[in-house]
Amino acid sequence: MKIKMRHAYAGPRGTFPPGSVIDVPDVEAAQLIAGHYADKAAKDAPETAQKPRGERATARTAQPRTASAPQPHQPGGAKAAAAEDKKA
């Protein structure tokens, strides 16, 4: 059954923006219409959804994660204060 989407829809067939006319099984169409996500489209309405182009290689190469180098303690910090306390 052809339906016209009221809202964005994503599923195994792809992602469809509002206003897309798509052909789906009758059971799925009935559920989408009952949930007010779509309206029944005219039988002669052309499908506006684009067909998937197939798989594309989009894998990213792993980038090594590096932590920033530890910063040296500032003079006069907590360690210096503790050392001063031990001297006294």
Protein backbone atom coordinates (compact mmCIF):
# COMPACT_ATOMS: atom_id res chain seq x y z
CA MET A 1 0.00 0.00 0.00
CA LYS A 2 1.29 3.48 -0.81
CA ILE A 3 1.39 5.93 2.08
CA LYS A 4 2.50 9.53 2.50
CA MET A 5 4.59 10.09 5.62
CA ARG A 6 3.53 12.83 8.05
CA HIS A 7 6.69 12.48 10.13
CA ALA A 8 10.22 11.25 9.54
CA TYR A 9 10.41 7.47 9.35
CA ALA A 10 13.42 5.17 9.61
CA GLY A 11 13.39 1.44 9.19
CA PRO A 12 15.05 -1.46 7.38
CA ARG A 13 14.10 0.08 4.00
CA GLY A 14 15.83 3.38 4.78
CA THR A 15 15.07 6.81 6.17
CA PHE A 16 12.22 8.89 4.79
CA PRO A 17 11.50 12.57 5.53
CA PRO A 18 7.97 13.92 6.05
CA GLY A 19 6.03 14.09 2.78
CA SER A 20 7.70 11.00 1.30
CA VAL A 21 5.41 8.64 -0.60
CA ILE A 22 6.51 5.05 -0.04
CA ASP A 23 5.11 1.60 -0.78
CA VAL A 24 5.02 -0.66 2.30
CA PRO A 25 3.24 -3.91 3.21
CA ASP A 26 -0.45 -3.47 4.13
CA VAL A 27 0.07 -4.43 7.79
CA GLU A 28 2.84 -1.87 8.25
CA ALA A 29 0.83 0.80 6.40
CA ALA A 30 -2.20 0.16 8.64
CA GLN A 31 -0.05 0.56 11.76
CA LEU A 32 1.51 3.81 10.54
CA ILE A 33 -1.87 5.24 9.53
CA ALA A 34 -3.46 4.20 12.86
CA GLY A 35 -0.60 5.89 14.72
CA HIS A 36 -1.07 9.11 12.68
CA TYR A 37 2.44 8.82 11.27
CA ALA A 38 1.18 8.54 7.68
CA ASP A 39 -1.85 8.98 5.42
CA LYS A 40 -3.04 6.70 2.66
CA ALA A 41 -1.70 7.95 -0.68
CA ALA A 42 -3.45 7.76 -4.03
CA LYS A 43 -2.69 4.57 -5.94
CA ASP A 44 -1.26 6.55 -8.83
CA ALA A 45 0.92 8.78 -6.59
CA PRO A 46 4.57 8.47 -7.64
CA GLU A 47 6.98 7.26 -5.00
CA THR A 48 9.14 10.15 -3.85
CA ALA A 49 11.52 8.14 -1.71
CA GLN A 50 14.93 7.55 -3.20
CA LYS A 51 16.07 3.99 -3.58
CA PRO A 52 19.13 3.01 -1.54
CA ARG A 53 22.32 3.22 -3.57
CA GLY A 54 23.87 0.13 -2.03
CA GLU A 55 26.64 -0.22 0.47
CA ARG A 56 29.42 2.28 0.55
CA ALA A 57 32.73 1.96 2.29
CA THR A 58 32.55 4.54 5.03
CA ALA A 59 34.67 2.88 7.71
CA ARG A 60 36.94 5.25 9.53
CA THR A 61 40.48 4.34 10.35
CA ALA A 62 41.09 4.05 14.05
CA GLN A 63 42.92 7.00 15.50
CA PRO A 64 45.12 6.25 18.50
CA ARG A 65 43.90 7.92 21.66
CA THR A 66 46.59 9.80 23.48
CA ALA A 67 46.39 11.30 26.89
CA SER A 68 48.04 14.59 27.57
CA ALA A 69 51.39 14.37 29.32
CA PRO A 70 51.24 14.83 33.08
CA GLN A 71 52.03 18.35 34.11
CA PRO A 72 54.83 18.97 36.60
CA HIS A 73 53.75 20.20 39.99
CA GLN A 74 53.74 23.92 40.43
CA PRO A 75 56.23 25.36 42.91
CA GLY A 76 54.50 26.26 46.13
CA GLY A 77 51.75 23.66 45.56
CA ALA A 78 50.35 21.13 48.02
CA LYS A 79 53.55 19.05 48.09
CA ALA A 80 55.66 22.08 48.88
CA ALA A 81 53.27 22.99 51.70
CA ALA A 82 53.48 19.46 53.13
CA ALA A 83 57.27 19.56 52.98
CA GLU A 84 57.26 22.88 54.82
CA ASP A 85 55.03 21.40 57.53
CA LYS A 86 57.45 18.48 58.05
CA LYS A 87 60.38 20.89 58.47
CA ALA A 88 58.60 22.85 61.16
